[in-house]
Amino acid sequence: MNPHITHSSRRRTDPDLPVSVALETLSNEWRRRTLSLLSGHEMMTVDELAEALAVEGGDLPAETLHLELHHCHLPKLADAGLVRYDAERHRVHARTHSGELDSLLEAVRASDRVA
């Protein structure tokens, strides 16, 4: 398996994500939105994610979001162990998050709504 093609939780096998990694990973709005969208699905394609993100109200077209997801956000989420990303097949699989991560993600969402 080529590590540059399929991204998975290579660095993290522990379901408890260190707060510093969670905060750094969740510091980006597109990664937070991606995790929110995936929470209701077992698997989505990158195209589906990009379209959903574009419809949700971003300033970027789906094509640009697709590129950013593929090259930046999904590998970062996968390296943190938050998703399983098959870059060759353009599929993203949701992972079950710990209660602590869900609480942190909800706190960040609430902060986004206030801002």
PDB file of N, CA and C in Angstrom:
ATOM      1  N   MET A   1       0.836  -1.170   0.000  1.00  0.00           N
ATOM      2  CA  MET A   1       0.000   0.000   0.000  1.00  0.00           C
ATOM      3  C   MET A   1       0.884   1.237   0.000  1.00  0.00           C
ATOM      4  N   ASN A   2       0.572   2.161  -0.845  1.00  0.00           N
ATOM      5  CA  ASN A   2       1.311   3.407  -0.955  1.00  0.00           C
ATOM      6  C   ASN A   2       0.777   4.389   0.087  1.00  0.00           C
ATOM      7  N   PRO A   3       1.608   4.824   1.052  1.00  0.00           N
ATOM      8  CA  PRO A   3       1.115   5.713   2.101  1.00  0.00           C
ATOM      9  C   PRO A   3       0.683   7.075   1.587  1.00  0.00           C
ATOM     10  N   HIS A   4       1.079   7.441   0.370  1.00  0.00           N
ATOM     11  CA  HIS A   4       0.671   8.722  -0.186  1.00  0.00           C
ATOM     12  C   HIS A   4      -0.698   8.656  -0.832  1.00  0.00           C
ATOM     13  N   ILE A   5      -1.221   7.435  -1.021  1.00  0.00           N
ATOM     14  CA  ILE A   5      -2.506   7.288  -1.684  1.00  0.00           C
ATOM     15  C   ILE A   5      -3.641   7.112  -0.678  1.00  0.00           C
ATOM     16  N   THR A   6      -3.470   6.259   0.284  1.00  0.00           N
ATOM     17  CA  THR A   6      -4.521   6.029   1.262  1.00  0.00           C
ATOM     18  C   THR A   6      -4.088   6.588   2.601  1.00  0.00           C
ATOM     19  N   HIS A   7      -4.861   7.493   3.110  1.00  0.00           N
ATOM     20  CA  HIS A   7      -4.559   8.097   4.401  1.00  0.00           C
ATOM     21  C   HIS A   7      -5.425   7.428   5.445  1.00  0.00           C
ATOM     22  N   SER A   8      -4.831   7.056   6.525  1.00  0.00           N
ATOM     23  CA  SER A   8      -5.585   6.497   7.638  1.00  0.00           C
ATOM     24  C   SER A   8      -4.954   6.989   8.920  1.00  0.00           C
ATOM     25  N   SER A   9      -5.402   6.450  10.010  1.00  0.00           N
ATOM     26  CA  SER A   9      -4.879   6.913  11.291  1.00  0.00           C
ATOM     27  C   SER A   9      -3.539   6.257  11.571  1.00  0.00           C
ATOM     28  N   ARG A  10      -2.541   6.587  10.794  1.00  0.00           N
ATOM     29  CA  ARG A  10      -1.212   5.997  10.961  1.00  0.00           C
ATOM     30  C   ARG A  10      -0.602   6.392  12.298  1.00  0.00           C
ATOM     31  N   ARG A  11      -0.800   7.644  12.698  1.00  0.00           N
ATOM     32  CA  ARG A  11      -0.178   8.127  13.932  1.00  0.00           C
ATOM     33  C   ARG A  11      -1.012   7.803  15.162  1.00  0.00           C
ATOM     34  N   ARG A  12      -2.305   7.666  15.006  1.00  0.00           N
ATOM     35  CA  ARG A  12      -3.176   7.516  16.157  1.00  0.00           C
ATOM     36  C   ARG A  12      -3.951   6.211  16.064  1.00  0.00           C
ATOM     37  N   THR A  13      -3.764   5.342  17.023  1.00  0.00           N
ATOM     38  CA  THR A  13      -4.609   4.172  17.125  1.00  0.00           C
ATOM     39  C   THR A  13      -5.448   4.259  18.390  1.00  0.00           C
ATOM     40  N   ASP A  14      -5.083   5.126  19.288  1.00  0.00           N
ATOM     41  CA  ASP A  14      -5.784   5.364  20.529  1.00  0.00           C
ATOM     42  C   ASP A  14      -7.039   6.183  20.244  1.00  0.00           C
ATOM     43  N   PRO A  15      -8.232   5.753  20.728  1.00  0.00           N
ATOM     44  CA  PRO A  15      -9.442   6.512  20.440  1.00  0.00           C
ATOM     45  C   PRO A  15      -9.482   7.875  21.128  1.00  0.00           C
ATOM     46  N   ASP A  16      -8.664   8.081  22.163  1.00  0.00           N
ATOM     47  CA  ASP A  16      -8.633   9.369  22.851  1.00  0.00           C
ATOM     48  C   ASP A  16      -7.596  10.266  22.195  1.00  0.00           C
ATOM     49  N   LEU A  17      -8.065  11.330  21.617  1.00  0.00           N
ATOM     50  CA  LEU A  17      -7.222  12.261  20.886  1.00  0.00           C
ATOM     51  C   LEU A  17      -6.694  13.312  21.852  1.00  0.00           C
ATOM     52  N   PRO A  18      -5.376  13.552  21.871  1.00  0.00           N
ATOM     53  CA  PRO A  18      -4.862  14.615  22.741  1.00  0.00           C
ATOM     54  C   PRO A  18      -5.527  15.949  22.408  1.00  0.00           C
ATOM     55  N   VAL A  19      -5.786  16.725  23.407  1.00  0.00           N
ATOM     56  CA  VAL A  19      -6.471  18.008  23.220  1.00  0.00           C
ATOM     57  C   VAL A  19      -5.707  18.888  22.239  1.00  0.00           C
ATOM     58  N   SER A  20      -4.382  18.909  22.323  1.00  0.00           N
ATOM     59  CA  SER A  20      -3.595  19.766  21.428  1.00  0.00           C
ATOM     60  C   SER A  20      -3.798  19.363  19.965  1.00  0.00           C
ATOM     61  N   VAL A  21      -3.862  18.067  19.686  1.00  0.00           N
ATOM     62  CA  VAL A  21      -4.083  17.594  18.313  1.00  0.00           C
ATOM     63  C   VAL A  21      -5.504  17.929  17.878  1.00  0.00           C
ATOM     64  N   ALA A  22      -6.465  17.718  18.769  1.00  0.00           N
ATOM     65  CA  ALA A  22      -7.861  18.030  18.450  1.00  0.00           C
ATOM     66  C   ALA A  22      -8.033  19.511  18.148  1.00  0.00           C
ATOM     67  N   LEU A  23      -7.463  20.373  18.978  1.00  0.00           N
ATOM     68  CA  LEU A  23      -7.602  21.812  18.762  1.00  0.00           C
ATOM     69  C   LEU A  23      -6.946  22.252  17.462  1.00  0.00           C
ATOM     70  N   GLU A  24      -5.767  21.741  17.189  1.00  0.00           N
ATOM     71  CA  GLU A  24      -5.073  22.107  15.953  1.00  0.00           C
ATOM     72  C   GLU A  24      -5.853  21.617  14.744  1.00  0.00           C
ATOM     73  N   THR A  25      -6.374  20.413  14.818  1.00  0.00           N
ATOM     74  CA  THR A  25      -7.121  19.845  13.699  1.00  0.00           C
ATOM     75  C   THR A  25      -8.440  20.579  13.501  1.00  0.00           C
ATOM     76  N   LEU A  26      -9.115  20.909  14.589  1.00  0.00           N
ATOM     77  CA  LEU A  26     -10.407  21.574  14.510  1.00  0.00           C
ATOM     78  C   LEU A  26     -10.297  23.083  14.345  1.00  0.00           C
ATOM     79  N   SER A  27      -9.088  23.600  14.257  1.00  0.00           N
ATOM     80  CA  SER A  27      -8.909  25.045  14.104  1.00  0.00           C
ATOM     81  C   SER A  27      -9.380  25.541  12.742  1.00  0.00           C
ATOM     82  N   ASN A  28      -9.569  24.634  11.797  1.00  0.00           N
ATOM     83  CA  ASN A  28      -9.983  25.019  10.456  1.00  0.00           C
ATOM     84  C   ASN A  28     -11.484  24.774  10.273  1.00  0.00           C
ATOM     85  N   GLU A  29     -12.163  25.780   9.782  1.00  0.00           N
ATOM     86  CA  GLU A  29     -13.616  25.703   9.587  1.00  0.00           C
ATOM     87  C   GLU A  29     -14.023  24.565   8.656  1.00  0.00           C
ATOM     88  N   TRP A  30     -13.284  24.339   7.574  1.00  0.00           N
ATOM     89  CA  TRP A  30     -13.654  23.279   6.612  1.00  0.00           C
ATOM     90  C   TRP A  30     -13.517  21.899   7.237  1.00  0.00           C
ATOM     91  N   ARG A  31     -12.526  21.712   8.103  1.00  0.00           N
ATOM     92  CA  ARG A  31     -12.390  20.412   8.773  1.00  0.00           C
ATOM     93  C   ARG A  31     -13.529  20.201   9.766  1.00  0.00           C
ATOM     94  N   ARG A  32     -13.910  21.259  10.465  1.00  0.00           N
ATOM     95  CA  ARG A  32     -15.047  21.138  11.389  1.00  0.00           C
ATOM     96  C   ARG A  32     -16.323  20.822  10.632  1.00  0.00           C
ATOM     97  N   ARG A  33     -16.562  21.528   9.550  1.00  0.00           N
ATOM     98  CA  ARG A  33     -17.763  21.269   8.747  1.00  0.00           C
ATOM     99  C   ARG A  33     -17.746  19.855   8.167  1.00  0.00           C
ATOM    100  N   THR A  34     -16.572  19.411   7.746  1.00  0.00           N
ATOM    101  CA  THR A  34     -16.452  18.061   7.198  1.00  0.00           C
ATOM    102  C   THR A  34     -16.825  17.020   8.249  1.00  0.00           C
ATOM    103  N   LEU A  35     -16.311  17.161   9.446  1.00  0.00           N
ATOM    104  CA  LEU A  35     -16.656  16.220  10.518  1.00  0.00           C
ATOM    105  C   LEU A  35     -18.145  16.272  10.830  1.00  0.00           C
ATOM    106  N   SER A  36     -18.731  17.455  10.811  1.00  0.00           N
ATOM    107  CA  SER A  36     -20.168  17.575  11.062  1.00  0.00           C
ATOM    108  C   SER A  36     -20.971  16.856   9.992  1.00  0.00           C
ATOM    109  N   LEU A  37     -20.585  17.042   8.747  1.00  0.00           N
ATOM    110  CA  LEU A  37     -21.291  16.371   7.654  1.00  0.00           C
ATOM    111  C   LEU A  37     -21.137  14.857   7.730  1.00  0.00           C
ATOM    112  N   LEU A  38     -19.951  14.407   8.067  1.00  0.00           N
ATOM    113  CA  LEU A  38     -19.710  12.966   8.139  1.00  0.00           C
ATOM    114  C   LEU A  38     -20.423  12.303   9.310  1.00  0.00           C
ATOM    115  N   SER A  39     -20.766  13.087  10.328  1.00  0.00           N
ATOM    116  CA  SER A  39     -21.368  12.493  11.523  1.00  0.00           C
ATOM    117  C   SER A  39     -22.680  11.778  11.207  1.00  0.00           C
ATOM    118  N   GLY A  40     -23.345  12.148  10.142  1.00  0.00           N
ATOM    119  CA  GLY A  40     -24.590  11.494   9.768  1.00  0.00           C
ATOM    120  C   GLY A  40     -24.441  10.426   8.705  1.00  0.00           C
ATOM    121  N   HIS A  41     -23.213  10.115   8.333  1.00  0.00           N
ATOM    122  CA  HIS A  41     -22.972   9.149   7.258  1.00  0.00           C
ATOM    123  C   HIS A  41     -21.850   8.184   7.643  1.00  0.00           C
ATOM    124  N   GLU A  42     -21.928   7.000   7.130  1.00  0.00           N
ATOM    125  CA  GLU A  42     -20.824   6.054   7.323  1.00  0.00           C
ATOM    126  C   GLU A  42     -19.695   6.351   6.351  1.00  0.00           C
ATOM    127  N   MET A  43     -20.075   6.747   5.118  1.00  0.00           N
ATOM    128  CA  MET A  43     -19.088   7.032   4.082  1.00  0.00           C
ATOM    129  C   MET A  43     -19.658   8.083   3.139  1.00  0.00           C
ATOM    130  N   MET A  44     -18.777   8.960   2.664  1.00  0.00           N
ATOM    131  CA  MET A  44     -19.136   9.926   1.628  1.00  0.00           C
ATOM    132  C   MET A  44     -17.982  10.002   0.645  1.00  0.00           C
ATOM    133  N   THR A  45     -18.295  10.377  -0.583  1.00  0.00           N
ATOM    134  CA  THR A  45     -17.229  10.629  -1.543  1.00  0.00           C
ATOM    135  C   THR A  45     -16.754  12.068  -1.365  1.00  0.00           C
ATOM    136  N   VAL A  46     -15.576  12.363  -1.887  1.00  0.00           N
ATOM    137  CA  VAL A  46     -15.064  13.730  -1.800  1.00  0.00           C
ATOM    138  C   VAL A  46     -15.985  14.675  -2.572  1.00  0.00           C
ATOM    139  N   ASP A  47     -16.518  14.213  -3.699  1.00  0.00           N
ATOM    140  CA  ASP A  47     -17.463  15.039  -4.467  1.00  0.00           C
ATOM    141  C   ASP A  47     -18.697  15.377  -3.633  1.00  0.00           C
ATOM    142  N   GLU A  48     -19.244  14.375  -2.932  1.00  0.00           N
ATOM    143  CA  GLU A  48     -20.421  14.618  -2.091  1.00  0.00           C
ATOM    144  C   GLU A  48     -20.110  15.621  -0.988  1.00  0.00           C
ATOM    145  N   LEU A  49     -18.962  15.452  -0.361  1.00  0.00           N
ATOM    146  CA  LEU A  49     -18.553  16.384   0.687  1.00  0.00           C
ATOM    147  C   LEU A  49     -18.393  17.801   0.135  1.00  0.00           C
ATOM    148  N   ALA A  50     -17.701  17.930  -0.977  1.00  0.00           N
ATOM    149  CA  ALA A  50     -17.462  19.248  -1.573  1.00  0.00           C
ATOM    150  C   ALA A  50     -18.779  19.921  -1.940  1.00  0.00           C
ATOM    151  N   GLU A  51     -19.688  19.171  -2.550  1.00  0.00           N
ATOM    152  CA  GLU A  51     -20.995  19.730  -2.918  1.00  0.00           C
ATOM    153  C   GLU A  51     -21.766  20.178  -1.684  1.00  0.00           C
ATOM    154  N   ALA A  52     -21.781  19.332  -0.653  1.00  0.00           N
ATOM    155  CA  ALA A  52     -22.504  19.664   0.574  1.00  0.00           C
ATOM    156  C   ALA A  52     -21.907  20.898   1.249  1.00  0.00           C
ATOM    157  N   LEU A  53     -20.593  20.986   1.271  1.00  0.00           N
ATOM    158  CA  LEU A  53     -19.938  22.147   1.869  1.00  0.00           C
ATOM    159  C   LEU A  53     -20.237  23.421   1.082  1.00  0.00           C
ATOM    160  N   ALA A  54     -20.249  23.319  -0.252  1.00  0.00           N
ATOM    161  CA  ALA A  54     -20.534  24.481  -1.094  1.00  0.00           C
ATOM    162  C   ALA A  54     -21.975  24.946  -0.878  1.00  0.00           C
ATOM    163  N   VAL A  55     -22.908  24.006  -0.770  1.00  0.00           N
ATOM    164  CA  VAL A  55     -24.315  24.345  -0.551  1.00  0.00           C
ATOM    165  C   VAL A  55     -24.520  24.954   0.831  1.00  0.00           C
ATOM    166  N   GLU A  56     -23.740  24.470   1.800  1.00  0.00           N
ATOM    167  CA  GLU A  56     -23.868  24.927   3.188  1.00  0.00           C
ATOM    168  C   GLU A  56     -23.547  26.400   3.358  1.00  0.00           C
ATOM    169  N   GLY A  57     -22.943  26.996   2.356  1.00  0.00           N
ATOM    170  CA  GLY A  57     -22.742  28.432   2.452  1.00  0.00           C
ATOM    171  C   GLY A  57     -21.310  28.892   2.466  1.00  0.00           C
ATOM    172  N   GLY A  58     -20.470  28.262   1.717  1.00  0.00           N
ATOM    173  CA  GLY A  58     -19.103  28.756   1.622  1.00  0.00           C
ATOM    174  C   GLY A  58     -18.955  29.687   0.443  1.00  0.00           C
ATOM    175  N   ASP A  59     -17.869  30.416   0.431  1.00  0.00           N
ATOM    176  CA  ASP A  59     -17.586  31.311  -0.684  1.00  0.00           C
ATOM    177  C   ASP A  59     -16.877  30.583  -1.821  1.00  0.00           C
ATOM    178  N   LEU A  60     -16.514  29.336  -1.592  1.00  0.00           N
ATOM    179  CA  LEU A  60     -15.747  28.594  -2.581  1.00  0.00           C
ATOM    180  C   LEU A  60     -16.634  27.655  -3.382  1.00  0.00           C
ATOM    181  N   PRO A  61     -16.355  27.516  -4.678  1.00  0.00           N
ATOM    182  CA  PRO A  61     -17.111  26.547  -5.478  1.00  0.00           C
ATOM    183  C   PRO A  61     -16.716  25.113  -5.106  1.00  0.00           C
ATOM    184  N   ALA A  62     -17.597  24.173  -5.408  1.00  0.00           N
ATOM    185  CA  ALA A  62     -17.372  22.769  -5.064  1.00  0.00           C
ATOM    186  C   ALA A  62     -16.052  22.240  -5.641  1.00  0.00           C
ATOM    187  N   GLU A  63     -15.671  22.686  -6.828  1.00  0.00           N
ATOM    188  CA  GLU A  63     -14.434  22.199  -7.452  1.00  0.00           C
ATOM    189  C   GLU A  63     -13.208  22.590  -6.615  1.00  0.00           C
ATOM    190  N   THR A  64     -13.209  23.811  -6.126  1.00  0.00           N
ATOM    191  CA  THR A  64     -12.098  24.274  -5.289  1.00  0.00           C
ATOM    192  C   THR A  64     -12.095  23.542  -3.951  1.00  0.00           C
ATOM    193  N   LEU A  65     -13.273  23.364  -3.375  1.00  0.00           N
ATOM    194  CA  LEU A  65     -13.379  22.633  -2.116  1.00  0.00           C
ATOM    195  C   LEU A  65     -12.903  21.189  -2.279  1.00  0.00           C
ATOM    196  N   HIS A  66     -13.229  20.592  -3.407  1.00  0.00           N
ATOM    197  CA  HIS A  66     -12.776  19.225  -3.671  1.00  0.00           C
ATOM    198  C   HIS A  66     -11.248  19.158  -3.602  1.00  0.00           C
ATOM    199  N   LEU A  67     -10.583  20.084  -4.265  1.00  0.00           N
ATOM    200  CA  LEU A  67      -9.116  20.105  -4.260  1.00  0.00           C
ATOM    201  C   LEU A  67      -8.563  20.332  -2.857  1.00  0.00           C
ATOM    202  N   GLU A  68      -9.147  21.275  -2.127  1.00  0.00           N
ATOM    203  CA  GLU A  68      -8.674  21.552  -0.768  1.00  0.00           C
ATOM    204  C   GLU A  68      -8.908  20.369   0.154  1.00  0.00           C
ATOM    205  N   LEU A  69     -10.059  19.718   0.026  1.00  0.00           N
ATOM    206  CA  LEU A  69     -10.329  18.526   0.831  1.00  0.00           C
ATOM    207  C   LEU A  69      -9.313  17.435   0.523  1.00  0.00           C
ATOM    208  N   HIS A  70      -9.116  17.175  -0.746  1.00  0.00           N
ATOM    209  CA  HIS A  70      -8.238  16.080  -1.174  1.00  0.00           C
ATOM    210  C   HIS A  70      -6.777  16.300  -0.767  1.00  0.00           C
ATOM    211  N   HIS A  71      -6.284  17.505  -0.953  1.00  0.00           N
ATOM    212  CA  HIS A  71      -4.859  17.758  -0.729  1.00  0.00           C
ATOM    213  C   HIS A  71      -4.507  18.215   0.679  1.00  0.00           C
ATOM    214  N   CYS A  72      -5.473  18.760   1.401  1.00  0.00           N
ATOM    215  CA  CYS A  72      -5.141  19.348   2.700  1.00  0.00           C
ATOM    216  C   CYS A  72      -5.966  18.770   3.850  1.00  0.00           C
ATOM    217  N   HIS A  73      -7.258  19.016   3.813  1.00  0.00           N
ATOM    218  CA  HIS A  73      -8.093  18.761   4.988  1.00  0.00           C
ATOM    219  C   HIS A  73      -8.313  17.287   5.300  1.00  0.00           C
ATOM    220  N   LEU A  74      -8.614  16.489   4.288  1.00  0.00           N
ATOM    221  CA  LEU A  74      -8.863  15.069   4.563  1.00  0.00           C
ATOM    222  C   LEU A  74      -7.605  14.326   5.012  1.00  0.00           C
ATOM    223  N   PRO A  75      -6.436  14.575   4.401  1.00  0.00           N
ATOM    224  CA  PRO A  75      -5.227  13.934   4.943  1.00  0.00           C
ATOM    225  C   PRO A  75      -4.946  14.339   6.395  1.00  0.00           C
ATOM    226  N   LYS A  76      -5.192  15.598   6.732  1.00  0.00           N
ATOM    227  CA  LYS A  76      -4.952  16.058   8.104  1.00  0.00           C
ATOM    228  C   LYS A  76      -5.926  15.376   9.072  1.00  0.00           C
ATOM    229  N   LEU A  77      -7.186  15.277   8.696  1.00  0.00           N
ATOM    230  CA  LEU A  77      -8.167  14.583   9.528  1.00  0.00           C
ATOM    231  C   LEU A  77      -7.827  13.100   9.668  1.00  0.00           C
ATOM    232  N   ALA A  78      -7.355  12.508   8.581  1.00  0.00           N
ATOM    233  CA  ALA A  78      -6.977  11.090   8.620  1.00  0.00           C
ATOM    234  C   ALA A  78      -5.755  10.871   9.493  1.00  0.00           C
ATOM    235  N   ASP A  79      -4.769  11.742   9.384  1.00  0.00           N
ATOM    236  CA  ASP A  79      -3.562  11.611  10.205  1.00  0.00           C
ATOM    237  C   ASP A  79      -3.874  11.744  11.691  1.00  0.00           C
ATOM    238  N   ALA A  80      -4.904  12.525  12.019  1.00  0.00           N
ATOM    239  CA  ALA A  80      -5.324  12.667  13.416  1.00  0.00           C
ATOM    240  C   ALA A  80      -6.193  11.489  13.860  1.00  0.00           C
ATOM    241  N   GLY A  81      -6.565  10.628  12.909  1.00  0.00           N
ATOM    242  CA  GLY A  81      -7.394   9.472  13.234  1.00  0.00           C
ATOM    243  C   GLY A  81      -8.875   9.778  13.306  1.00  0.00           C
ATOM    244  N   LEU A  82      -9.291  10.920  12.771  1.00  0.00           N
ATOM    245  CA  LEU A  82     -10.690  11.326  12.852  1.00  0.00           C
ATOM    246  C   LEU A  82     -11.534  10.801  11.699  1.00  0.00           C
ATOM    247  N   VAL A  83     -10.899  10.484  10.578  1.00  0.00           N
ATOM    248  CA  VAL A  83     -11.577   9.867   9.435  1.00  0.00           C
ATOM    249  C   VAL A  83     -10.622   8.849   8.826  1.00  0.00           C
ATOM    250  N   ARG A  84     -11.172   8.013   7.976  1.00  0.00           N
ATOM    251  CA  ARG A  84     -10.348   7.134   7.153  1.00  0.00           C
ATOM    252  C   ARG A  84     -10.563   7.612   5.726  1.00  0.00           C
ATOM    253  N   TYR A  85      -9.484   8.003   5.062  1.00  0.00           N
ATOM    254  CA  TYR A  85      -9.581   8.601   3.730  1.00  0.00           C
ATOM    255  C   TYR A  85      -8.873   7.731   2.717  1.00  0.00           C
ATOM    256  N   ASP A  86      -9.622   7.274   1.739  1.00  0.00           N
ATOM    257  CA  ASP A  86      -9.073   6.511   0.624  1.00  0.00           C
ATOM    258  C   ASP A  86      -8.949   7.482  -0.547  1.00  0.00           C
ATOM    259  N   ALA A  87      -7.769   8.054  -0.707  1.00  0.00           N
ATOM    260  CA  ALA A  87      -7.546   9.082  -1.734  1.00  0.00           C
ATOM    261  C   ALA A  87      -7.651   8.514  -3.134  1.00  0.00           C
ATOM    262  N   GLU A  88      -7.328   7.256  -3.300  1.00  0.00           N
ATOM    263  CA  GLU A  88      -7.397   6.632  -4.625  1.00  0.00           C
ATOM    264  C   GLU A  88      -8.842   6.487  -5.099  1.00  0.00           C
ATOM    265  N   ARG A  89      -9.733   6.151  -4.181  1.00  0.00           N
ATOM    266  CA  ARG A  89     -11.153   5.958  -4.523  1.00  0.00           C
ATOM    267  C   ARG A  89     -11.996   7.192  -4.191  1.00  0.00           C
ATOM    268  N   HIS A  90     -11.366   8.210  -3.612  1.00  0.00           N
ATOM    269  CA  HIS A  90     -12.041   9.464  -3.248  1.00  0.00           C
ATOM    270  C   HIS A  90     -13.206   9.212  -2.296  1.00  0.00           C
ATOM    271  N   ARG A  91     -12.962   8.360  -1.295  1.00  0.00           N
ATOM    272  CA  ARG A  91     -13.988   8.038  -0.303  1.00  0.00           C
ATOM    273  C   ARG A  91     -13.491   8.380   1.092  1.00  0.00           C
ATOM    274  N   VAL A  92     -14.402   8.896   1.885  1.00  0.00           N
ATOM    275  CA  VAL A  92     -14.091   9.251   3.263  1.00  0.00           C
ATOM    276  C   VAL A  92     -15.033   8.455   4.159  1.00  0.00           C
ATOM    277  N   HIS A  93     -14.446   7.754   5.095  1.00  0.00           N
ATOM    278  CA  HIS A  93     -15.228   6.944   6.025  1.00  0.00           C
ATOM    279  C   HIS A  93     -15.191   7.603   7.394  1.00  0.00           C
ATOM    280  N   ALA A  94     -16.361   7.734   7.985  1.00  0.00           N
ATOM    281  CA  ALA A  94     -16.463   8.321   9.320  1.00  0.00           C
ATOM    282  C   ALA A  94     -15.875   7.358  10.340  1.00  0.00           C
ATOM    283  N   ARG A  95     -15.329   7.903  11.382  1.00  0.00           N
ATOM    284  CA  ARG A  95     -14.854   7.118  12.525  1.00  0.00           C
ATOM    285  C   ARG A  95     -15.689   7.513  13.728  1.00  0.00           C
ATOM    286  N   THR A  96     -15.836   6.588  14.641  1.00  0.00           N
ATOM    287  CA  THR A  96     -16.526   6.886  15.886  1.00  0.00           C
ATOM    288  C   THR A  96     -15.593   7.722  16.748  1.00  0.00           C
ATOM    289  N   HIS A  97     -16.085   8.831  17.216  1.00  0.00           N
ATOM    290  CA  HIS A  97     -15.266   9.727  18.032  1.00  0.00           C
ATOM    291  C   HIS A  97     -15.558   9.491  19.506  1.00  0.00           C
ATOM    292  N   SER A  98     -14.575   9.785  20.306  1.00  0.00           N
ATOM    293  CA  SER A  98     -14.773   9.702  21.753  1.00  0.00           C
ATOM    294  C   SER A  98     -15.737  10.804  22.182  1.00  0.00           C
ATOM    295  N   GLY A  99     -16.341  10.627  23.319  1.00  0.00           N
ATOM    296  CA  GLY A  99     -17.248  11.633  23.850  1.00  0.00           C
ATOM    297  C   GLY A  99     -16.570  12.964  24.045  1.00  0.00           C
ATOM    298  N   GLU A 100     -15.278  12.934  24.421  1.00  0.00           N
ATOM    299  CA  GLU A 100     -14.536  14.177  24.636  1.00  0.00           C
ATOM    300  C   GLU A 100     -14.396  14.961  23.333  1.00  0.00           C
ATOM    301  N   LEU A 101     -14.106  14.253  22.222  1.00  0.00           N
ATOM    302  CA  LEU A 101     -13.973  14.941  20.945  1.00  0.00           C
ATOM    303  C   LEU A 101     -15.321  15.499  20.504  1.00  0.00           C
ATOM    304  N   ASP A 102     -16.385  14.710  20.679  1.00  0.00           N
ATOM    305  CA  ASP A 102     -17.715  15.203  20.324  1.00  0.00           C
ATOM    306  C   ASP A 102     -18.055  16.457  21.123  1.00  0.00           C
ATOM    307  N   SER A 103     -17.710  16.473  22.409  1.00  0.00           N
ATOM    308  CA  SER A 103     -17.970  17.647  23.247  1.00  0.00           C
ATOM    309  C   SER A 103     -17.171  18.846  22.767  1.00  0.00           C
ATOM    310  N   LEU A 104     -15.915  18.621  22.418  1.00  0.00           N
ATOM    311  CA  LEU A 104     -15.062  19.702  21.922  1.00  0.00           C
ATOM    312  C   LEU A 104     -15.595  20.228  20.591  1.00  0.00           C
ATOM    313  N   LEU A 105     -15.986  19.328  19.703  1.00  0.00           N
ATOM    314  CA  LEU A 105     -16.521  19.728  18.404  1.00  0.00           C
ATOM    315  C   LEU A 105     -17.804  20.533  18.589  1.00  0.00           C
ATOM    316  N   GLU A 106     -18.662  20.127  19.502  1.00  0.00           N
ATOM    317  CA  GLU A 106     -19.897  20.872  19.771  1.00  0.00           C
ATOM    318  C   GLU A 106     -19.582  22.244  20.344  1.00  0.00           C
ATOM    319  N   ALA A 107     -18.587  22.335  21.218  1.00  0.00           N
ATOM    320  CA  ALA A 107     -18.197  23.634  21.783  1.00  0.00           C
ATOM    321  C   ALA A 107     -17.689  24.566  20.682  1.00  0.00           C
ATOM    322  N   VAL A 108     -16.909  24.012  19.747  1.00  0.00           N
ATOM    323  CA  VAL A 108     -16.401  24.831  18.645  1.00  0.00           C
ATOM    324  C   VAL A 108     -17.553  25.264  17.745  1.00  0.00           C
ATOM    325  N   ARG A 109     -18.504  24.376  17.485  1.00  0.00           N
ATOM    326  CA  ARG A 109     -19.675  24.732  16.671  1.00  0.00           C
ATOM    327  C   ARG A 109     -20.459  25.860  17.338  1.00  0.00           C
ATOM    328  N   ALA A 110     -20.657  25.754  18.651  1.00  0.00           N
ATOM    329  CA  ALA A 110     -21.389  26.788  19.378  1.00  0.00           C
ATOM    330  C   ALA A 110     -20.656  28.125  19.289  1.00  0.00           C
ATOM    331  N   SER A 111     -19.344  28.071  19.386  1.00  0.00           N
ATOM    332  CA  SER A 111     -18.537  29.293  19.269  1.00  0.00           C
ATOM    333  C   SER A 111     -18.678  29.887  17.878  1.00  0.00           C
ATOM    334  N   ASP A 112     -18.728  29.043  16.846  1.00  0.00           N
ATOM    335  CA  ASP A 112     -18.897  29.530  15.468  1.00  0.00           C
ATOM    336  C   ASP A 112     -20.246  30.227  15.311  1.00  0.00           C
ATOM    337  N   ARG A 113     -21.283  29.692  15.954  1.00  0.00           N
ATOM    338  CA  ARG A 113     -22.630  30.286  15.836  1.00  0.00           C
ATOM    339  C   ARG A 113     -22.687  31.653  16.516  1.00  0.00           C
ATOM    340  N   VAL A 114     -21.949  31.817  17.586  1.00  0.00           N
ATOM    341  CA  VAL A 114     -21.932  33.078  18.322  1.00  0.00           C
ATOM    342  C   VAL A 114     -21.154  34.140  17.577  1.00  0.00           C
ATOM    343  N   ALA A 115     -20.056  33.732  16.939  1.00  0.00           N
ATOM    344  CA  ALA A 115     -19.165  34.690  16.274  1.00  0.00           C
ATOM    345  C   ALA A 115     -19.790  35.335  15.064  1.00  0.00           C
TER     346      ALA A 115
END
